[in-house]
PDB file of N, CA and C in Angstrom:
ATOM      1  N   UNK A   1      12.623  -3.268 -21.915  1.00  0.00           N
ATOM      2  CA  UNK A   1      11.588  -4.045 -21.277  1.00  0.00           C
ATOM      3  C   UNK A   1      11.115  -5.126 -22.248  1.00  0.00           C
ATOM      4  N   UNK A   2      10.588  -6.198 -21.682  1.00  0.00           N
ATOM      5  CA  UNK A   2      10.214  -7.339 -22.514  1.00  0.00           C
ATOM      6  C   UNK A   2       8.878  -7.207 -23.243  1.00  0.00           C
ATOM      7  N   UNK A   3       8.201  -6.086 -23.109  1.00  0.00           N
ATOM      8  CA  UNK A   3       6.913  -5.923 -23.766  1.00  0.00           C
ATOM      9  C   UNK A   3       6.337  -4.545 -23.498  1.00  0.00           C
ATOM     10  N   UNK A   4       5.055  -4.380 -23.806  1.00  0.00           N
ATOM     11  CA  UNK A   4       4.370  -3.101 -23.628  1.00  0.00           C
ATOM     12  C   UNK A   4       3.971  -2.935 -22.166  1.00  0.00           C
ATOM     13  N   UNK A   5       4.332  -1.816 -21.539  1.00  0.00           N
ATOM     14  CA  UNK A   5       3.977  -1.586 -20.134  1.00  0.00           C
ATOM     15  C   UNK A   5       2.463  -1.517 -19.935  1.00  0.00           C
ATOM     16  N   UNK A   6       2.004  -2.125 -18.833  1.00  0.00           N
ATOM     17  CA  UNK A   6       0.586  -2.088 -18.483  1.00  0.00           C
ATOM     18  C   UNK A   6       0.329  -1.185 -17.279  1.00  0.00           C
ATOM     19  N   UNK A   7       1.091  -1.383 -16.216  1.00  0.00           N
ATOM     20  CA  UNK A   7       0.883  -0.654 -14.967  1.00  0.00           C
ATOM     21  C   UNK A   7       2.236  -0.178 -14.451  1.00  0.00           C
ATOM     22  N   UNK A   8       2.254   1.055 -13.933  1.00  0.00           N
ATOM     23  CA  UNK A   8       3.489   1.630 -13.397  1.00  0.00           C
ATOM     24  C   UNK A   8       3.218   2.095 -11.971  1.00  0.00           C
ATOM     25  N   UNK A   9       4.109   1.717 -11.051  1.00  0.00           N
ATOM     26  CA  UNK A   9       4.027   2.166  -9.656  1.00  0.00           C
ATOM     27  C   UNK A   9       5.350   2.829  -9.316  1.00  0.00           C
ATOM     28  N   UNK A  10       5.303   3.914  -8.516  1.00  0.00           N
ATOM     29  CA  UNK A  10       6.520   4.638  -8.156  1.00  0.00           C
ATOM     30  C   UNK A  10       6.602   4.788  -6.650  1.00  0.00           C
ATOM     31  N   UNK A  11       7.776   4.508  -6.093  1.00  0.00           N
ATOM     32  CA  UNK A  11       8.047   4.744  -4.683  1.00  0.00           C
ATOM     33  C   UNK A  11       9.069   5.872  -4.601  1.00  0.00           C
ATOM     34  N   UNK A  12       8.602   7.047  -4.212  1.00  0.00           N
ATOM     35  CA  UNK A  12       9.462   8.229  -4.166  1.00  0.00           C
ATOM     36  C   UNK A  12      10.595   8.073  -3.164  1.00  0.00           C
ATOM     37  N   UNK A  13      10.295   7.502  -2.000  1.00  0.00           N
ATOM     38  CA  UNK A  13      11.305   7.354  -0.950  1.00  0.00           C
ATOM     39  C   UNK A  13      12.481   6.490  -1.410  1.00  0.00           C
ATOM     40  N   UNK A  14      12.187   5.372  -2.071  1.00  0.00           N
ATOM     41  CA  UNK A  14      13.248   4.476  -2.549  1.00  0.00           C
ATOM     42  C   UNK A  14      13.777   4.885  -3.920  1.00  0.00           C
ATOM     43  N   UNK A  15      13.022   5.715  -4.630  1.00  0.00           N
ATOM     44  CA  UNK A  15      13.408   6.058  -5.990  1.00  0.00           C
ATOM     45  C   UNK A  15      13.285   4.868  -6.919  1.00  0.00           C
ATOM     46  N   UNK A  16      12.261   4.047  -6.674  1.00  0.00           N
ATOM     47  CA  UNK A  16      12.053   2.836  -7.474  1.00  0.00           C
ATOM     48  C   UNK A  16      10.809   2.980  -8.337  1.00  0.00           C
ATOM     49  N   UNK A  17      10.924   2.514  -9.571  1.00  0.00           N
ATOM     50  CA  UNK A  17       9.813   2.460 -10.498  1.00  0.00           C
ATOM     51  C   UNK A  17       9.565   1.000 -10.827  1.00  0.00           C
ATOM     52  N   UNK A  18       8.323   0.553 -10.673  1.00  0.00           N
ATOM     53  CA  UNK A  18       7.928  -0.829 -10.944  1.00  0.00           C
ATOM     54  C   UNK A  18       7.005  -0.808 -12.153  1.00  0.00           C
ATOM     55  N   UNK A  19       7.380  -1.546 -13.199  1.00  0.00           N
ATOM     56  CA  UNK A  19       6.613  -1.537 -14.442  1.00  0.00           C
ATOM     57  C   UNK A  19       6.166  -2.959 -14.761  1.00  0.00           C
ATOM     58  N   UNK A  20       4.859  -3.186 -14.740  1.00  0.00           N
ATOM     59  CA  UNK A  20       4.309  -4.508 -15.033  1.00  0.00           C
ATOM     60  C   UNK A  20       4.035  -4.637 -16.531  1.00  0.00           C
ATOM     61  N   UNK A  21       4.384  -5.798 -17.066  1.00  0.00           N
ATOM     62  CA  UNK A  21       4.134  -6.129 -18.471  1.00  0.00           C
ATOM     63  C   UNK A  21       3.370  -7.450 -18.476  1.00  0.00           C
ATOM     64  N   UNK A  22       2.110  -7.407 -18.905  1.00  0.00           N
ATOM     65  CA  UNK A  22       1.249  -8.599 -18.865  1.00  0.00           C
ATOM     66  C   UNK A  22       1.691  -9.714 -19.793  1.00  0.00           C
ATOM     67  N   UNK A  23       2.263  -9.348 -20.931  1.00  0.00           N
ATOM     68  CA  UNK A  23       2.742 -10.363 -21.853  1.00  0.00           C
ATOM     69  C   UNK A  23       4.189 -10.050 -22.179  1.00  0.00           C
ATOM     70  N   UNK A  24       5.098 -10.792 -21.603  1.00  0.00           N
ATOM     71  CA  UNK A  24       5.073 -12.179 -21.181  1.00  0.00           C
ATOM     72  C   UNK A  24       4.791 -12.414 -19.697  1.00  0.00           C
ATOM     73  N   UNK A  25       4.574 -11.386 -18.891  1.00  0.00           N
ATOM     74  CA  UNK A  25       4.350 -11.566 -17.454  1.00  0.00           C
ATOM     75  C   UNK A  25       5.609 -11.274 -16.667  1.00  0.00           C
ATOM     76  N   UNK A  26       5.942  -9.987 -16.562  1.00  0.00           N
ATOM     77  CA  UNK A  26       7.131  -9.565 -15.840  1.00  0.00           C
ATOM     78  C   UNK A  26       6.862  -8.257 -15.122  1.00  0.00           C
ATOM     79  N   UNK A  27       7.727  -7.958 -14.164  1.00  0.00           N
ATOM     80  CA  UNK A  27       7.779  -6.632 -13.556  1.00  0.00           C
ATOM     81  C   UNK A  27       9.232  -6.186 -13.647  1.00  0.00           C
ATOM     82  N   UNK A  28       9.452  -5.061 -14.315  1.00  0.00           N
ATOM     83  CA  UNK A  28      10.794  -4.488 -14.401  1.00  0.00           C
ATOM     84  C   UNK A  28      10.936  -3.460 -13.292  1.00  0.00           C
ATOM     85  N   UNK A  29      12.086  -3.502 -12.608  1.00  0.00           N
ATOM     86  CA  UNK A  29      12.343  -2.606 -11.482  1.00  0.00           C
ATOM     87  C   UNK A  29      13.480  -1.670 -11.877  1.00  0.00           C
ATOM     88  N   UNK A  30      13.230  -0.370 -11.720  1.00  0.00           N
ATOM     89  CA  UNK A  30      14.215   0.639 -12.092  1.00  0.00           C
ATOM     90  C   UNK A  30      14.578   1.502 -10.892  1.00  0.00           C
ATOM     91  N   UNK A  31      15.847   1.869 -10.807  1.00  0.00           N
ATOM     92  CA  UNK A  31      16.325   2.854  -9.849  1.00  0.00           C
ATOM     93  C   UNK A  31      16.292   4.185 -10.591  1.00  0.00           C
ATOM     94  N   UNK A  32      15.359   5.065 -10.213  1.00  0.00           N
ATOM     95  CA  UNK A  32      15.193   6.311 -10.950  1.00  0.00           C
ATOM     96  C   UNK A  32      16.294   7.313 -10.652  1.00  0.00           C
ATOM     97  N   UNK A  33      16.952   7.190  -9.523  1.00  0.00           N
ATOM     98  CA  UNK A  33      18.032   8.127  -9.182  1.00  0.00           C
ATOM     99  C   UNK A  33      19.286   7.857 -10.004  1.00  0.00           C
ATOM    100  N   UNK A  34      19.584   6.580 -10.177  1.00  0.00           N
ATOM    101  CA  UNK A  34      20.770   6.198 -10.955  1.00  0.00           C
ATOM    102  C   UNK A  34      20.433   5.906 -12.413  1.00  0.00           C
ATOM    103  N   UNK A  35      19.118   5.904 -12.728  1.00  0.00           N
ATOM    104  CA  UNK A  35      18.641   5.616 -14.080  1.00  0.00           C
ATOM    105  C   UNK A  35      19.137   4.265 -14.577  1.00  0.00           C
ATOM    106  N   UNK A  36      18.932   3.264 -13.718  1.00  0.00           N
ATOM    107  CA  UNK A  36      19.348   1.897 -14.022  1.00  0.00           C
ATOM    108  C   UNK A  36      18.190   0.927 -13.866  1.00  0.00           C
ATOM    109  N   UNK A  37      18.166  -0.076 -14.727  1.00  0.00           N
ATOM    110  CA  UNK A  37      17.231  -1.183 -14.506  1.00  0.00           C
ATOM    111  C   UNK A  37      17.900  -2.130 -13.530  1.00  0.00           C
ATOM    112  N   UNK A  38      17.243  -2.390 -12.401  1.00  0.00           N
ATOM    113  CA  UNK A  38      17.810  -3.242 -11.361  1.00  0.00           C
ATOM    114  C   UNK A  38      17.552  -4.718 -11.614  1.00  0.00           C
ATOM    115  N   UNK A  39      16.330  -5.031 -12.040  1.00  0.00           N
ATOM    116  CA  UNK A  39      15.989  -6.437 -12.279  1.00  0.00           C
ATOM    117  C   UNK A  39      14.680  -6.542 -13.047  1.00  0.00           C
ATOM    118  N   UNK A  40      14.464  -7.728 -13.576  1.00  0.00           N
ATOM    119  CA  UNK A  40      13.184  -8.077 -14.176  1.00  0.00           C
ATOM    120  C   UNK A  40      12.688  -9.331 -13.471  1.00  0.00           C
ATOM    121  N   UNK A  41      11.538  -9.222 -12.865  1.00  0.00           N
ATOM    122  CA  UNK A  41      10.942 -10.321 -12.118  1.00  0.00           C
ATOM    123  C   UNK A  41       9.969 -11.054 -13.036  1.00  0.00           C
ATOM    124  N   UNK A  42      10.132 -12.358 -13.176  1.00  0.00           N
ATOM    125  CA  UNK A  42       9.194 -13.154 -13.955  1.00  0.00           C
ATOM    126  C   UNK A  42       7.999 -13.482 -13.076  1.00  0.00           C
ATOM    127  N   UNK A  43       6.806 -13.150 -13.571  1.00  0.00           N
ATOM    128  CA  UNK A  43       5.591 -13.421 -12.803  1.00  0.00           C
ATOM    129  C   UNK A  43       4.808 -14.524 -13.507  1.00  0.00           C
ATOM    130  N   UNK A  44       3.776 -14.160 -14.206  1.00  0.00           N
ATOM    131  CA  UNK A  44       2.920 -15.124 -14.902  1.00  0.00           C
ATOM    132  C   UNK A  44       2.289 -14.409 -16.095  1.00  0.00           C
ATOM    133  N   UNK A  45       2.149 -15.083 -17.207  1.00  0.00           N
ATOM    134  CA  UNK A  45       1.551 -14.461 -18.379  1.00  0.00           C
ATOM    135  C   UNK A  45       0.181 -13.898 -18.020  1.00  0.00           C
ATOM    136  N   UNK A  46      -0.039 -12.657 -18.377  1.00  0.00           N
ATOM    137  CA  UNK A  46      -1.298 -11.994 -18.064  1.00  0.00           C
ATOM    138  C   UNK A  46      -1.291 -11.244 -16.750  1.00  0.00           C
ATOM    139  N   UNK A  47      -0.239 -11.410 -15.960  1.00  0.00           N
ATOM    140  CA  UNK A  47      -0.153 -10.727 -14.662  1.00  0.00           C
ATOM    141  C   UNK A  47       0.329  -9.300 -14.886  1.00  0.00           C
ATOM    142  N   UNK A  48      -0.598  -8.358 -14.799  1.00  0.00           N
ATOM    143  CA  UNK A  48      -0.216  -6.967 -14.997  1.00  0.00           C
ATOM    144  C   UNK A  48      -0.810  -6.036 -13.951  1.00  0.00           C
ATOM    145  N   UNK A  49      -1.596  -6.560 -13.034  1.00  0.00           N
ATOM    146  CA  UNK A  49      -2.144  -5.751 -11.953  1.00  0.00           C
ATOM    147  C   UNK A  49      -1.214  -5.864 -10.757  1.00  0.00           C
ATOM    148  N   UNK A  50      -0.663  -4.728 -10.342  1.00  0.00           N
ATOM    149  CA  UNK A  50       0.290  -4.723  -9.237  1.00  0.00           C
ATOM    150  C   UNK A  50      -0.125  -3.694  -8.194  1.00  0.00           C
ATOM    151  N   UNK A  51       0.366  -3.889  -6.996  1.00  0.00           N
ATOM    152  CA  UNK A  51       0.178  -2.937  -5.915  1.00  0.00           C
ATOM    153  C   UNK A  51       1.454  -2.841  -5.114  1.00  0.00           C
ATOM    154  N   UNK A  52       1.794  -1.646  -4.675  1.00  0.00           N
ATOM    155  CA  UNK A  52       3.017  -1.421  -3.926  1.00  0.00           C
ATOM    156  C   UNK A  52       2.666  -0.901  -2.549  1.00  0.00           C
ATOM    157  N   UNK A  53       3.220  -1.546  -1.493  1.00  0.00           N
ATOM    158  CA  UNK A  53       3.038  -1.094  -0.116  1.00  0.00           C
ATOM    159  C   UNK A  53       4.356  -0.488   0.352  1.00  0.00           C
ATOM    160  N   UNK A  54       4.454   0.841   0.418  1.00  0.00           N
ATOM    161  CA  UNK A  54       5.722   1.463   0.802  1.00  0.00           C
ATOM    162  C   UNK A  54       6.134   1.185   2.243  1.00  0.00           C
ATOM    163  N   UNK A  55       5.175   0.922   3.124  1.00  0.00           N
ATOM    164  CA  UNK A  55       5.514   0.661   4.525  1.00  0.00           C
ATOM    165  C   UNK A  55       6.275  -0.652   4.689  1.00  0.00           C
ATOM    166  N   UNK A  56       5.801  -1.699   4.028  1.00  0.00           N
ATOM    167  CA  UNK A  56       6.456  -3.007   4.141  1.00  0.00           C
ATOM    168  C   UNK A  56       7.452  -3.255   3.013  1.00  0.00           C
ATOM    169  N   UNK A  57       7.470  -2.351   2.015  1.00  0.00           N
ATOM    170  CA  UNK A  57       8.311  -2.478   0.820  1.00  0.00           C
ATOM    171  C   UNK A  57       8.037  -3.802   0.110  1.00  0.00           C
ATOM    172  N   UNK A  58       6.744  -4.087  -0.049  1.00  0.00           N
ATOM    173  CA  UNK A  58       6.316  -5.302  -0.744  1.00  0.00           C
ATOM    174  C   UNK A  58       5.537  -4.939  -2.007  1.00  0.00           C
ATOM    175  N   UNK A  59       5.819  -5.723  -3.051  1.00  0.00           N
ATOM    176  CA  UNK A  59       5.116  -5.596  -4.311  1.00  0.00           C
ATOM    177  C   UNK A  59       4.167  -6.779  -4.434  1.00  0.00           C
ATOM    178  N   UNK A  60       2.896  -6.499  -4.693  1.00  0.00           N
ATOM    179  CA  UNK A  60       1.880  -7.532  -4.843  1.00  0.00           C
ATOM    180  C   UNK A  60       1.504  -7.628  -6.317  1.00  0.00           C
ATOM    181  N   UNK A  61       1.557  -8.847  -6.857  1.00  0.00           N
ATOM    182  CA  UNK A  61       1.239  -9.068  -8.263  1.00  0.00           C
ATOM    183  C   UNK A  61       0.094 -10.072  -8.345  1.00  0.00           C
ATOM    184  N   UNK A  62      -1.043  -9.638  -8.892  1.00  0.00           N
ATOM    185  CA  UNK A  62      -2.174 -10.545  -9.083  1.00  0.00           C
ATOM    186  C   UNK A  62      -1.892 -11.419 -10.294  1.00  0.00           C
ATOM    187  N   UNK A  63      -2.017 -12.745 -10.108  1.00  0.00           N
ATOM    188  CA  UNK A  63      -1.706 -13.705 -11.159  1.00  0.00           C
ATOM    189  C   UNK A  63      -2.985 -14.413 -11.593  1.00  0.00           C
ATOM    190  N   UNK A  64      -3.522 -14.023 -12.744  1.00  0.00           N
ATOM    191  CA  UNK A  64      -4.840 -14.495 -13.149  1.00  0.00           C
ATOM    192  C   UNK A  64      -4.922 -15.986 -13.477  1.00  0.00           C
ATOM    193  N   UNK A  65      -3.888 -16.571 -14.029  1.00  0.00           N
ATOM    194  CA  UNK A  65      -3.951 -17.993 -14.409  1.00  0.00           C
ATOM    195  C   UNK A  65      -3.998 -18.915 -13.203  1.00  0.00           C
ATOM    196  N   UNK A  66      -3.208 -18.590 -12.186  1.00  0.00           N
ATOM    197  CA  UNK A  66      -3.164 -19.440 -10.989  1.00  0.00           C
ATOM    198  C   UNK A  66      -4.108 -18.951  -9.894  1.00  0.00           C
ATOM    199  N   UNK A  67      -4.806 -17.832 -10.157  1.00  0.00           N
ATOM    200  CA  UNK A  67      -5.737 -17.244  -9.185  1.00  0.00           C
ATOM    201  C   UNK A  67      -5.049 -16.954  -7.862  1.00  0.00           C
ATOM    202  N   UNK A  68      -3.833 -16.443  -7.943  1.00  0.00           N
ATOM    203  CA  UNK A  68      -3.092 -16.156  -6.727  1.00  0.00           C
ATOM    204  C   UNK A  68      -2.491 -14.775  -6.735  1.00  0.00           C
ATOM    205  N   UNK A  69      -1.768 -14.496  -5.664  1.00  0.00           N
ATOM    206  CA  UNK A  69      -1.040 -13.237  -5.523  1.00  0.00           C
ATOM    207  C   UNK A  69       0.403 -13.585  -5.187  1.00  0.00           C
ATOM    208  N   UNK A  70       1.321 -13.059  -5.974  1.00  0.00           N
ATOM    209  CA  UNK A  70       2.737 -13.222  -5.669  1.00  0.00           C
ATOM    210  C   UNK A  70       3.185 -11.992  -4.899  1.00  0.00           C
ATOM    211  N   UNK A  71       4.043 -12.202  -3.902  1.00  0.00           N
ATOM    212  CA  UNK A  71       4.516 -11.099  -3.062  1.00  0.00           C
ATOM    213  C   UNK A  71       6.035 -11.072  -3.137  1.00  0.00           C
ATOM    214  N   UNK A  72       6.570  -9.883  -3.480  1.00  0.00           N
ATOM    215  CA  UNK A  72       8.012  -9.691  -3.589  1.00  0.00           C
ATOM    216  C   UNK A  72       8.416  -8.581  -2.648  1.00  0.00           C
ATOM    217  N   UNK A  73       9.587  -8.723  -2.026  1.00  0.00           N
ATOM    218  CA  UNK A  73      10.083  -7.696  -1.112  1.00  0.00           C
ATOM    219  C   UNK A  73      11.281  -6.993  -1.729  1.00  0.00           C
ATOM    220  N   UNK A  74      11.296  -5.671  -1.586  1.00  0.00           N
ATOM    221  CA  UNK A  74      12.434  -4.889  -2.049  1.00  0.00           C
ATOM    222  C   UNK A  74      13.402  -4.764  -0.875  1.00  0.00           C
ATOM    223  N   UNK A  75      14.586  -5.277  -1.043  1.00  0.00           N
ATOM    224  CA  UNK A  75      15.561  -5.308   0.043  1.00  0.00           C
ATOM    225  C   UNK A  75      16.424  -4.057   0.098  1.00  0.00           C
ATOM    226  N   UNK A  76      16.075  -3.035  -0.658  1.00  0.00           N
ATOM    227  CA  UNK A  76      16.896  -1.820  -0.733  1.00  0.00           C
ATOM    228  C   UNK A  76      17.095  -1.160   0.614  1.00  0.00           C
TER     229      UNK A  76
END
């Protein structure tokens, strides 16, 4: 991972672990069943507050510098 983990979210149904790192501003996505890192999403420096909606399979990332919310969909 590119830095110290801040927030971790787990989706049991998908077997996905989402790990937010505020500096440099990324979310690392892991497949816990295969024990693989699937991707690293670049967000925004300081963005470490995340929320996961299992129904829509969307990850919400609060971005403090731009005062916005980035929304990512897991296509699994």
